[in-house]
Amino acid sequence: MRFPDRPVVRRRYRRTTTISRRNQAPAPDTPAEDTAAEVRRLRAENAQLREAMASRPQIDQARGILMADEACTAAQAWEMLRYTSQHTNIKLREVAAAVVAGAAGPPPPQPISAALRRARARFRARRRTAERKE
């Protein structure tokens, strides 16, 4: 209920957050558990880095193929690969492998080739608009 003769007062309350022991991560029981967890994390990171190093040459080959086909820069070829990977929900290294395989033999699978066509069309449209502005 409002009273016409009284002014409206709005009160603002500040929220404060306190960290309680319930919000904190549990401390390891022993230093050995902490060390074992760190070793597992480092091994997983090492495996991931090895996989990245192994797939890098194939990604560079795919970039080179796109650069030759589209007369674009390395960054633009990377953008086409990234766009294709994100819009097909396929890992970039798998897209690169399909592009490299498609250069010498049959075309890449349908989802990859369709997304790659869209990426190339986007690149060409951007290049045309940039040429018009000049």
N, C-alpha and C. Protein backbone atom coordinates (compact mmCIF):
# COMPACT_ATOMS: atom_id res chain seq x y z
N MET A 1 0.84 -1.16 0.00
CA MET A 1 0.00 0.00 0.00
C MET A 1 0.90 1.24 0.00
N ARG A 2 0.57 2.20 -0.83
CA ARG A 2 1.34 3.44 -0.91
C ARG A 2 0.59 4.56 -0.25
N PHE A 3 1.38 5.42 0.36
CA PHE A 3 0.80 6.61 0.97
C PHE A 3 1.25 7.82 0.15
N PRO A 4 0.33 8.60 -0.36
CA PRO A 4 0.72 9.71 -1.23
C PRO A 4 1.53 10.79 -0.53
N ASP A 5 1.39 10.95 0.76
CA ASP A 5 2.11 12.01 1.46
C ASP A 5 3.51 11.59 1.90
N ARG A 6 3.88 10.33 1.75
CA ARG A 6 5.19 9.84 2.16
C ARG A 6 6.10 9.65 0.94
N PRO A 7 7.35 10.03 1.06
CA PRO A 7 8.27 9.78 -0.07
C PRO A 7 8.65 8.30 -0.15
N VAL A 8 8.97 7.87 -1.35
CA VAL A 8 9.39 6.48 -1.54
C VAL A 8 10.87 6.37 -1.21
N VAL A 9 11.19 5.47 -0.33
CA VAL A 9 12.58 5.27 0.08
C VAL A 9 13.01 3.90 -0.41
N ARG A 10 14.08 3.90 -1.15
CA ARG A 10 14.61 2.62 -1.62
C ARG A 10 15.90 2.34 -0.88
N ARG A 11 15.94 1.22 -0.28
CA ARG A 11 17.13 0.85 0.46
C ARG A 11 17.94 -0.15 -0.36
N ARG A 12 19.21 0.07 -0.41
CA ARG A 12 20.09 -0.85 -1.11
C ARG A 12 20.97 -1.54 -0.08
N TYR A 13 20.99 -2.82 -0.19
CA TYR A 13 21.80 -3.60 0.72
C TYR A 13 22.98 -4.17 -0.05
N ARG A 14 24.10 -4.13 0.56
CA ARG A 14 25.30 -4.65 -0.06
C ARG A 14 25.46 -6.11 0.33
N ARG A 15 25.71 -6.92 -0.70
CA ARG A 15 25.95 -8.34 -0.42
C ARG A 15 27.42 -8.55 -0.13
N THR A 16 27.67 -9.26 0.91
CA THR A 16 29.05 -9.59 1.22
C THR A 16 29.19 -11.09 1.20
N THR A 17 30.29 -11.53 0.71
CA THR A 17 30.55 -12.95 0.64
C THR A 17 31.71 -13.27 1.56
N THR A 18 31.50 -14.23 2.38
CA THR A 18 32.59 -14.67 3.25
C THR A 18 32.94 -16.10 2.88
N ILE A 19 34.18 -16.40 2.99
CA ILE A 19 34.63 -17.75 2.67
C ILE A 19 34.62 -18.54 3.96
N SER A 20 33.87 -19.58 3.92
CA SER A 20 33.83 -20.45 5.09
C SER A 20 34.65 -21.70 4.77
N ARG A 21 34.83 -22.49 5.72
CA ARG A 21 35.60 -23.72 5.50
C ARG A 21 34.87 -24.67 4.56
N ARG A 22 33.56 -24.55 4.46
CA ARG A 22 32.80 -25.40 3.56
C ARG A 22 33.10 -25.06 2.10
N ASN A 23 33.43 -23.80 1.78
CA ASN A 23 33.68 -23.38 0.41
C ASN A 23 35.11 -23.66 -0.05
N GLN A 24 35.99 -23.95 0.85
CA GLN A 24 37.39 -24.17 0.48
C GLN A 24 37.61 -25.61 0.02
N ALA A 25 38.57 -25.78 -0.88
CA ALA A 25 38.92 -27.12 -1.32
C ALA A 25 39.55 -27.87 -0.16
N PRO A 26 39.26 -29.16 -0.07
CA PRO A 26 39.84 -29.91 1.04
C PRO A 26 41.35 -30.03 0.86
N ALA A 27 42.05 -29.88 1.94
CA ALA A 27 43.50 -30.02 1.90
C ALA A 27 43.85 -31.50 1.80
N PRO A 28 44.93 -31.81 1.08
CA PRO A 28 45.31 -33.23 0.99
C PRO A 28 45.72 -33.74 2.37
N ASP A 29 45.43 -35.02 2.57
CA ASP A 29 45.74 -35.62 3.87
C ASP A 29 47.23 -35.70 4.10
N THR A 30 47.97 -36.07 3.06
CA THR A 30 49.41 -36.21 3.20
C THR A 30 50.10 -35.55 2.02
N PRO A 31 51.35 -35.19 2.17
CA PRO A 31 52.09 -34.62 1.04
C PRO A 31 52.22 -35.60 -0.13
N ALA A 32 52.18 -36.90 0.15
CA ALA A 32 52.29 -37.91 -0.91
C ALA A 32 51.08 -37.84 -1.85
N GLU A 33 49.88 -37.59 -1.29
CA GLU A 33 48.69 -37.47 -2.13
C GLU A 33 48.80 -36.23 -3.01
N ASP A 34 49.32 -35.15 -2.47
CA ASP A 34 49.51 -33.93 -3.23
C ASP A 34 50.50 -34.15 -4.37
N THR A 35 51.57 -34.84 -4.08
CA THR A 35 52.59 -35.13 -5.10
C THR A 35 52.03 -36.05 -6.17
N ALA A 36 51.27 -37.06 -5.78
CA ALA A 36 50.69 -38.00 -6.74
C ALA A 36 49.70 -37.27 -7.67
N ALA A 37 48.92 -36.36 -7.13
CA ALA A 37 47.98 -35.60 -7.95
C ALA A 37 48.73 -34.71 -8.94
N GLU A 38 49.81 -34.12 -8.48
CA GLU A 38 50.62 -33.27 -9.36
C GLU A 38 51.26 -34.09 -10.48
N VAL A 39 51.72 -35.28 -10.17
CA VAL A 39 52.32 -36.16 -11.19
C VAL A 39 51.27 -36.55 -12.23
N ARG A 40 50.06 -36.88 -11.78
CA ARG A 40 48.97 -37.23 -12.73
C ARG A 40 48.65 -36.05 -13.63
N ARG A 41 48.60 -34.85 -13.07
CA ARG A 41 48.29 -33.66 -13.87
C ARG A 41 49.38 -33.40 -14.90
N LEU A 42 50.63 -33.53 -14.48
CA LEU A 42 51.75 -33.30 -15.40
C LEU A 42 51.82 -34.35 -16.50
N ARG A 43 51.49 -35.59 -16.17
CA ARG A 43 51.48 -36.64 -17.20
C ARG A 43 50.39 -36.38 -18.24
N ALA A 44 49.23 -35.95 -17.78
CA ALA A 44 48.14 -35.63 -18.72
C ALA A 44 48.52 -34.45 -19.60
N GLU A 45 49.14 -33.44 -19.02
CA GLU A 45 49.58 -32.28 -19.80
C GLU A 45 50.65 -32.67 -20.81
N ASN A 46 51.56 -33.55 -20.40
CA ASN A 46 52.61 -34.03 -21.29
C ASN A 46 52.03 -34.79 -22.48
N ALA A 47 51.05 -35.63 -22.23
CA ALA A 47 50.41 -36.38 -23.32
C ALA A 47 49.70 -35.44 -24.28
N GLN A 48 49.05 -34.43 -23.74
CA GLN A 48 48.35 -33.46 -24.58
C GLN A 48 49.34 -32.68 -25.44
N LEU A 49 50.47 -32.29 -24.89
CA LEU A 49 51.48 -31.55 -25.65
C LEU A 49 52.11 -32.42 -26.73
N ARG A 50 52.33 -33.70 -26.43
CA ARG A 50 52.87 -34.62 -27.45
C ARG A 50 51.89 -34.76 -28.62
N GLU A 51 50.61 -34.86 -28.31
CA GLU A 51 49.60 -34.98 -29.36
C GLU A 51 49.55 -33.71 -30.21
N ALA A 52 49.68 -32.55 -29.58
CA ALA A 52 49.68 -31.28 -30.31
C ALA A 52 50.90 -31.18 -31.22
N MET A 53 52.05 -31.60 -30.72
CA MET A 53 53.27 -31.56 -31.53
C MET A 53 53.18 -32.51 -32.72
N ALA A 54 52.54 -33.65 -32.54
CA ALA A 54 52.43 -34.61 -33.63
C ALA A 54 51.47 -34.12 -34.72
N SER A 55 50.44 -33.38 -34.35
CA SER A 55 49.45 -32.94 -35.33
C SER A 55 49.82 -31.61 -35.98
N ARG A 56 50.80 -30.93 -35.47
CA ARG A 56 51.15 -29.60 -35.99
C ARG A 56 51.59 -29.60 -37.45
N PRO A 57 52.44 -30.55 -37.90
CA PRO A 57 52.83 -30.53 -39.31
C PRO A 57 51.65 -30.70 -40.27
N GLN A 58 50.70 -31.54 -39.90
CA GLN A 58 49.54 -31.75 -40.76
C GLN A 58 48.67 -30.49 -40.82
N ILE A 59 48.56 -29.79 -39.71
CA ILE A 59 47.80 -28.53 -39.71
C ILE A 59 48.50 -27.51 -40.59
N ASP A 60 49.83 -27.46 -40.52
CA ASP A 60 50.57 -26.53 -41.37
C ASP A 60 50.43 -26.89 -42.85
N GLN A 61 50.38 -28.18 -43.17
CA GLN A 61 50.17 -28.59 -44.56
C GLN A 61 48.79 -28.16 -45.04
N ALA A 62 47.78 -28.32 -44.20
CA ALA A 62 46.42 -27.91 -44.57
C ALA A 62 46.37 -26.40 -44.78
N ARG A 63 47.05 -25.65 -43.92
CA ARG A 63 47.11 -24.20 -44.11
C ARG A 63 47.76 -23.86 -45.44
N GLY A 64 48.83 -24.56 -45.79
CA GLY A 64 49.51 -24.32 -47.06
C GLY A 64 48.61 -24.62 -48.25
N ILE A 65 47.83 -25.67 -48.16
CA ILE A 65 46.90 -26.02 -49.24
C ILE A 65 45.86 -24.93 -49.41
N LEU A 66 45.30 -24.48 -48.30
CA LEU A 66 44.29 -23.41 -48.38
C LEU A 66 44.91 -22.11 -48.89
N MET A 67 46.14 -21.82 -48.47
CA MET A 67 46.81 -20.61 -48.94
C MET A 67 47.02 -20.66 -50.45
N ALA A 68 47.37 -21.83 -50.98
CA ALA A 68 47.58 -21.96 -52.42
C ALA A 68 46.26 -21.89 -53.18
N ASP A 69 45.23 -22.52 -52.64
CA ASP A 69 43.92 -22.53 -53.32
C ASP A 69 43.26 -21.16 -53.32
N GLU A 70 43.35 -20.46 -52.21
CA GLU A 70 42.60 -19.21 -52.05
C GLU A 70 43.44 -17.95 -52.18
N ALA A 71 44.75 -18.09 -52.34
CA ALA A 71 45.65 -16.93 -52.40
C ALA A 71 45.45 -16.03 -51.19
N CYS A 72 45.56 -16.65 -50.02
CA CYS A 72 45.34 -15.91 -48.77
C CYS A 72 46.57 -16.02 -47.89
N THR A 73 46.54 -15.32 -46.77
CA THR A 73 47.64 -15.35 -45.82
C THR A 73 47.51 -16.57 -44.90
N ALA A 74 48.55 -16.82 -44.13
CA ALA A 74 48.53 -17.94 -43.19
C ALA A 74 47.45 -17.74 -42.13
N ALA A 75 47.28 -16.50 -41.68
CA ALA A 75 46.27 -16.21 -40.66
C ALA A 75 44.86 -16.44 -41.21
N GLN A 76 44.64 -16.08 -42.46
CA GLN A 76 43.32 -16.29 -43.06
C GLN A 76 43.05 -17.78 -43.27
N ALA A 77 44.07 -18.53 -43.66
CA ALA A 77 43.91 -19.98 -43.81
C ALA A 77 43.62 -20.62 -42.45
N TRP A 78 44.30 -20.15 -41.42
CA TRP A 78 44.04 -20.65 -40.06
C TRP A 78 42.59 -20.36 -39.66
N GLU A 79 42.12 -19.16 -39.99
CA GLU A 79 40.74 -18.79 -39.67
C GLU A 79 39.74 -19.70 -40.37
N MET A 80 40.03 -20.07 -41.62
CA MET A 80 39.14 -20.99 -42.35
C MET A 80 39.12 -22.36 -41.69
N LEU A 81 40.28 -22.86 -41.28
CA LEU A 81 40.32 -24.15 -40.59
C LEU A 81 39.58 -24.08 -39.26
N ARG A 82 39.80 -23.01 -38.53
CA ARG A 82 39.15 -22.85 -37.23
C ARG A 82 37.64 -22.77 -37.38
N TYR A 83 37.18 -21.98 -38.36
CA TYR A 83 35.74 -21.85 -38.62
C TYR A 83 35.14 -23.21 -38.95
N THR A 84 35.82 -23.97 -39.82
CA THR A 84 35.32 -25.29 -40.21
C THR A 84 35.25 -26.22 -39.01
N SER A 85 36.27 -26.19 -38.18
CA SER A 85 36.30 -27.04 -37.00
C SER A 85 35.17 -26.70 -36.04
N GLN A 86 34.96 -25.42 -35.80
CA GLN A 86 33.94 -25.00 -34.84
C GLN A 86 32.53 -25.26 -35.34
N HIS A 87 32.30 -25.13 -36.64
CA HIS A 87 30.94 -25.29 -37.17
C HIS A 87 30.59 -26.72 -37.50
N THR A 88 31.55 -27.63 -37.46
CA THR A 88 31.25 -29.05 -37.64
C THR A 88 31.42 -29.83 -36.35
N ASN A 89 31.94 -29.17 -35.32
CA ASN A 89 32.21 -29.81 -34.04
C ASN A 89 33.17 -31.00 -34.21
N ILE A 90 34.16 -30.78 -35.06
CA ILE A 90 35.21 -31.77 -35.32
C ILE A 90 36.53 -31.12 -34.95
N LYS A 91 37.40 -31.88 -34.33
CA LYS A 91 38.69 -31.32 -33.90
C LYS A 91 39.45 -30.77 -35.10
N LEU A 92 40.18 -29.69 -34.86
CA LEU A 92 40.90 -29.01 -35.93
C LEU A 92 41.90 -29.93 -36.59
N ARG A 93 42.56 -30.78 -35.83
CA ARG A 93 43.54 -31.68 -36.44
C ARG A 93 42.88 -32.68 -37.38
N GLU A 94 41.63 -33.07 -37.09
CA GLU A 94 40.90 -33.97 -37.99
C GLU A 94 40.46 -33.24 -39.26
N VAL A 95 40.07 -31.98 -39.13
CA VAL A 95 39.72 -31.17 -40.30
C VAL A 95 40.95 -31.01 -41.19
N ALA A 96 42.10 -30.72 -40.56
CA ALA A 96 43.34 -30.56 -41.32
C ALA A 96 43.71 -31.86 -42.03
N ALA A 97 43.55 -32.99 -41.37
CA ALA A 97 43.85 -34.28 -42.00
C ALA A 97 42.94 -34.52 -43.21
N ALA A 98 41.67 -34.12 -43.11
CA ALA A 98 40.74 -34.29 -44.23
C ALA A 98 41.10 -33.38 -45.39
N VAL A 99 41.55 -32.16 -45.09
CA VAL A 99 41.96 -31.22 -46.15
C VAL A 99 43.20 -31.76 -46.87
N VAL A 100 44.17 -32.27 -46.11
CA VAL A 100 45.39 -32.81 -46.71
C VAL A 100 45.06 -34.05 -47.54
N ALA A 101 44.22 -34.92 -47.01
CA ALA A 101 43.84 -36.13 -47.75
C ALA A 101 43.04 -35.77 -49.00
N GLY A 102 42.21 -34.73 -48.91
CA GLY A 102 41.40 -34.32 -50.05
C GLY A 102 42.20 -33.67 -51.16
N ALA A 103 43.40 -33.19 -50.85
CA ALA A 103 44.23 -32.56 -51.87
C ALA A 103 44.78 -33.60 -52.84
N ALA A 104 45.00 -34.82 -52.36
CA ALA A 104 45.59 -35.86 -53.20
C ALA A 104 44.58 -36.90 -53.67
N GLY A 105 43.46 -37.00 -53.02
CA GLY A 105 42.52 -38.06 -53.35
C GLY A 105 41.09 -37.58 -53.31
N PRO A 106 40.22 -38.41 -52.74
CA PRO A 106 38.80 -38.04 -52.69
C PRO A 106 38.57 -36.83 -51.79
N PRO A 107 37.49 -36.09 -52.02
CA PRO A 107 37.21 -34.91 -51.19
C PRO A 107 36.93 -35.31 -49.75
N PRO A 108 37.03 -34.34 -48.84
CA PRO A 108 36.75 -34.63 -47.43
C PRO A 108 35.29 -35.06 -47.23
N PRO A 109 34.98 -35.63 -46.08
CA PRO A 109 33.58 -36.01 -45.79
C PRO A 109 32.64 -34.82 -45.91
N GLN A 110 31.37 -35.10 -46.12
CA GLN A 110 30.37 -34.07 -46.41
C GLN A 110 30.30 -32.95 -45.38
N PRO A 111 30.24 -33.22 -44.07
CA PRO A 111 30.14 -32.09 -43.13
C PRO A 111 31.35 -31.17 -43.20
N ILE A 112 32.52 -31.76 -43.36
CA ILE A 112 33.74 -30.95 -43.41
C ILE A 112 33.78 -30.14 -44.70
N SER A 113 33.46 -30.79 -45.83
CA SER A 113 33.53 -30.06 -47.10
C SER A 113 32.49 -28.95 -47.16
N ALA A 114 31.30 -29.18 -46.60
CA ALA A 114 30.27 -28.13 -46.60
C ALA A 114 30.70 -26.93 -45.75
N ALA A 115 31.24 -27.19 -44.56
CA ALA A 115 31.69 -26.10 -43.70
C ALA A 115 32.90 -25.40 -44.30
N LEU A 116 33.76 -26.14 -44.96
CA LEU A 116 34.92 -25.53 -45.61
C LEU A 116 34.49 -24.65 -46.78
N ARG A 117 33.48 -25.06 -47.52
CA ARG A 117 32.94 -24.21 -48.59
C ARG A 117 32.39 -22.91 -48.02
N ARG A 118 31.67 -23.01 -46.89
CA ARG A 118 31.15 -21.79 -46.25
C ARG A 118 32.27 -20.88 -45.78
N ALA A 119 33.33 -21.47 -45.21
CA ALA A 119 34.47 -20.68 -44.74
C ALA A 119 35.15 -19.99 -45.91
N ARG A 120 35.31 -20.70 -47.02
CA ARG A 120 35.93 -20.09 -48.20
C ARG A 120 35.04 -18.99 -48.76
N ALA A 121 33.74 -19.20 -48.76
CA ALA A 121 32.81 -18.17 -49.25
C ALA A 121 32.88 -16.92 -48.37
N ARG A 122 32.97 -17.12 -47.05
CA ARG A 122 33.12 -15.97 -46.14
C ARG A 122 34.40 -15.21 -46.45
N PHE A 123 35.49 -15.94 -46.69
CA PHE A 123 36.76 -15.30 -46.99
C PHE A 123 36.66 -14.50 -48.28
N ARG A 124 36.08 -15.10 -49.30
CA ARG A 124 35.96 -14.40 -50.59
C ARG A 124 35.09 -13.16 -50.47
N ALA A 125 33.99 -13.25 -49.70
CA ALA A 125 33.11 -12.09 -49.51
C ALA A 125 33.85 -10.97 -48.79
N ARG A 126 34.61 -11.31 -47.77
CA ARG A 126 35.38 -10.29 -47.04
C ARG A 126 36.43 -9.66 -47.95
N ARG A 127 37.05 -10.47 -48.80
CA ARG A 127 38.06 -9.94 -49.71
C ARG A 127 37.43 -8.98 -50.72
N ARG A 128 36.23 -9.33 -51.23
CA ARG A 128 35.54 -8.46 -52.17
C ARG A 128 35.16 -7.12 -51.54
N THR A 129 34.66 -7.17 -50.31
CA THR A 129 34.28 -5.91 -49.65
C THR A 129 35.52 -5.06 -49.34
N ALA A 130 36.64 -5.70 -49.01
CA ALA A 130 37.87 -4.95 -48.76
C ALA A 130 38.37 -4.32 -50.06
N GLU A 131 38.24 -5.02 -51.17
CA GLU A 131 38.67 -4.46 -52.47
C GLU A 131 37.79 -3.29 -52.89
N ARG A 132 36.51 -3.38 -52.58
CA ARG A 132 35.58 -2.28 -52.93
C ARG A 132 35.90 -1.01 -52.14
N LYS A 133 36.32 -1.17 -50.91
CA LYS A 133 36.60 -0.02 -50.05
C LYS A 133 37.86 0.71 -50.51
N GLU A 134 38.76 -0.01 -51.17
CA GLU A 134 40.02 0.61 -51.60
C GLU A 134 39.82 1.43 -52.79
